[in-house]
Protein backbone atom coordinates (compact mmCIF):
# COMPACT_ATOMS: atom_id res chain seq x y z
CA MET A 1 -5.99 27.61 131.08
CA ASN A 2 -9.23 25.74 131.46
CA ARG A 3 -10.64 24.41 128.19
CA THR A 4 -14.02 22.82 128.21
CA ARG A 5 -15.04 20.37 125.55
CA PRO A 6 -18.33 21.11 123.76
CA SER A 7 -21.07 18.68 124.55
CA ALA A 8 -21.43 15.68 122.26
CA ALA A 9 -24.95 16.74 121.29
CA LYS A 10 -23.80 20.16 120.13
CA SER A 11 -20.88 18.65 118.24
CA THR A 12 -23.16 16.14 116.49
CA ASP A 13 -25.66 18.85 115.54
CA GLU A 14 -22.94 21.04 114.07
CA THR A 15 -21.57 18.10 112.06
CA ALA A 16 -25.02 17.32 110.70
CA GLU A 17 -25.39 20.89 109.54
CA ARG A 18 -22.02 20.90 107.79
CA HIS A 19 -22.28 17.47 106.15
CA GLU A 20 -25.51 16.32 104.61
CA GLY A 21 -24.22 13.05 103.11
CA PHE A 22 -26.36 10.84 100.92
CA THR A 23 -30.13 10.96 101.00
CA GLU A 24 -32.10 7.86 101.88
CA GLU A 25 -33.04 7.51 98.19
CA GLU A 26 -29.38 7.72 97.12
CA ARG A 27 -28.38 5.10 99.71
CA ASP A 28 -31.19 2.83 98.45
CA ALA A 29 -29.98 3.25 94.84
CA MET A 30 -26.43 2.33 95.87
CA LYS A 31 -27.70 -0.75 97.71
CA GLU A 32 -29.65 -1.76 94.61
CA ARG A 33 -26.52 -1.35 92.46
CA ALA A 34 -24.48 -3.48 94.85
CA GLY A 35 -27.18 -6.16 94.68
CA GLU A 36 -27.17 -5.99 90.87
CA LEU A 37 -23.40 -6.53 90.80
CA LYS A 38 -23.62 -9.47 93.22
CA LYS A 39 -26.41 -11.03 91.16
CA LYS A 40 -24.40 -10.55 87.97
CA ALA A 41 -21.37 -12.27 89.50
CA ARG A 42 -23.49 -15.25 90.61
CA ARG A 43 -25.43 -15.79 87.40
CA GLY A 44 -22.74 -15.24 84.79
CA ALA A 45 -23.71 -14.53 81.19
CA LYS A 46 -26.93 -16.52 81.03
CA ALA A 47 -29.29 -14.09 82.71
CA ASP A 48 -32.55 -12.82 81.30
CA LEU A 49 -31.92 -9.16 81.98
CA GLU A 50 -34.95 -7.96 80.05
CA SER A 51 -37.31 -9.82 82.37
CA GLU A 52 -35.55 -8.18 85.35
CA VAL A 53 -36.05 -4.75 83.77
CA LEU A 54 -39.70 -5.47 83.01
CA ALA A 55 -40.24 -6.71 86.58
CA LYS A 56 -38.69 -3.51 87.97
CA ILE A 57 -40.90 -1.42 85.67
CA ALA A 58 -43.97 -3.36 86.86
CA GLU A 59 -43.15 -2.37 90.48
CA MET A 60 -43.19 1.36 89.67
CA PRO A 61 -46.08 3.67 90.58
CA GLU A 62 -48.51 4.01 87.67
CA ALA A 63 -47.29 7.36 86.28
CA ASP A 64 -43.68 6.15 86.10
CA ARG A 65 -44.67 2.68 84.93
CA VAL A 66 -46.58 4.04 81.94
CA LEU A 67 -43.59 6.16 80.87
CA ALA A 68 -41.07 3.37 81.47
CA GLU A 69 -43.09 0.76 79.54
CA ARG A 70 -43.45 3.06 76.55
CA LEU A 71 -39.82 4.12 76.71
CA HIS A 72 -38.78 0.45 76.76
CA ALA A 73 -40.74 -0.11 73.54
CA ILE A 74 -39.22 3.01 71.95
CA VAL A 75 -35.69 1.83 72.78
CA LYS A 76 -36.35 -1.64 71.36
CA ALA A 77 -37.78 -0.16 68.15
CA ASN A 78 -35.12 2.51 67.57
CA ALA A 79 -31.98 1.00 69.09
CA PRO A 80 -32.43 -2.79 69.12
CA GLU A 81 -28.68 -3.25 69.63
CA LEU A 82 -29.03 -1.88 73.16
CA ALA A 83 -29.51 -4.54 75.80
CA PRO A 84 -31.83 -3.85 78.74
CA LYS A 85 -30.32 -4.09 82.22
CA LEU A 86 -30.84 -2.69 85.68
CA TRP A 87 -28.58 0.15 86.77
CA TYR A 88 -28.92 1.52 90.31
CA GLY A 89 -32.37 -0.06 90.34
CA MET A 90 -33.44 1.77 87.18
CA PRO A 91 -34.15 0.46 83.69
CA ALA A 92 -31.11 1.09 81.51
CA TYR A 93 -29.96 0.12 78.06
CA ALA A 94 -26.37 -0.85 77.30
CA ARG A 95 -24.02 -1.61 74.47
CA ASN A 96 -21.14 -3.98 75.20
CA GLY A 97 -22.09 -3.89 78.88
CA LYS A 98 -21.82 -0.08 79.13
CA VAL A 99 -24.95 1.96 79.84
CA VAL A 100 -25.92 4.28 76.99
CA CYS A 101 -29.24 5.53 78.36
CA PHE A 102 -31.49 5.05 81.38
CA PHE A 103 -34.91 5.89 82.78
CA GLN A 104 -35.25 7.37 86.24
CA GLY A 105 -38.79 7.48 87.54
CA ALA A 106 -39.97 10.55 89.43
CA HIS A 107 -40.63 8.39 92.49
CA LYS A 108 -37.02 7.18 92.65
CA PHE A 109 -35.66 10.41 94.10
CA LYS A 110 -39.00 12.08 94.85
CA THR A 111 -38.76 14.56 91.98
CA ARG A 112 -41.58 16.19 90.05
CA TYR A 113 -40.71 14.54 86.73
CA ALA A 114 -39.13 11.37 85.36
CA THR A 115 -35.83 11.57 83.51
CA LEU A 116 -34.42 10.03 80.36
CA GLY A 117 -30.65 10.21 80.72
CA PHE A 118 -27.72 9.45 78.45
CA SER A 119 -24.20 8.51 79.50
CA ASP A 120 -20.94 9.50 77.86
CA GLN A 121 -21.30 6.32 75.78
CA ALA A 122 -24.10 8.00 73.81
CA HIS A 123 -22.96 9.73 70.63
CA LEU A 124 -24.96 12.90 71.14
CA ASP A 125 -22.05 15.36 70.94
CA ASP A 126 -23.07 18.68 69.41
CA GLY A 127 -20.29 21.25 69.51
CA THR A 128 -18.93 21.99 72.96
CA MET A 129 -22.17 21.60 74.96
CA TRP A 130 -25.24 19.35 74.67
CA PRO A 131 -27.96 17.95 76.94
CA THR A 132 -27.56 14.50 78.47
CA ALA A 133 -30.82 14.32 80.43
CA TYR A 134 -34.41 15.12 79.57
CA ALA A 135 -37.38 15.66 81.86
CA LEU A 136 -40.38 13.48 80.98
CA THR A 137 -43.92 14.15 82.09
CA GLU A 138 -45.80 12.65 79.14
CA LEU A 139 -44.90 10.75 76.00
CA THR A 140 -46.75 12.33 73.11
CA ALA A 141 -46.19 11.26 69.49
CA THR A 142 -43.87 14.23 68.99
CA VAL A 143 -41.84 13.41 72.12
CA GLU A 144 -41.62 9.74 71.10
CA GLU A 145 -40.28 10.79 67.69
CA ARG A 146 -37.68 13.00 69.31
CA ILE A 147 -36.61 10.21 71.68
CA GLY A 148 -36.35 7.82 68.72
CA ALA A 149 -34.06 10.28 66.93
CA LEU A 150 -31.94 10.74 70.07
CA LEU A 151 -31.59 6.97 70.45
CA LYS A 152 -30.58 6.50 66.82
CA GLY A 153 -27.98 9.24 67.25
CA ALA A 154 -26.79 7.79 70.55
CA VAL A 155 -25.96 4.42 68.98
CA SER A 156 -24.60 5.71 65.67
């Protein structure tokens, strides 16, 4: 019985079709997180994390930057106990070192809207199902009020 092995090119193409893996944006986010952890280990407890968050926000494209700056102010006003930090290269806000909420700019993963997300540390439970992420395209006064209420609930 004569068995021939498929060519390497065909085998590679088939594998690529079956397994997509991480996108370039996801790999970049993981690299940023690894860098954040290394930096944290080197600097210890005396880091100015807020300035790192503000610097990351300043690097964002204008549409995301405007949302992130305003969101930062809303978090500080409504949940001052949350400490700013970077999380996968995104502005995040933590209590006792654990992320409660985060901002993901639209540019980060090439999506059509930015996202305000909440982790399981946020106290937003409402029955057996509730949202943990919100699409953001603009921060109107009504939206800012709603975010403020969500933040107050998240840290209660």
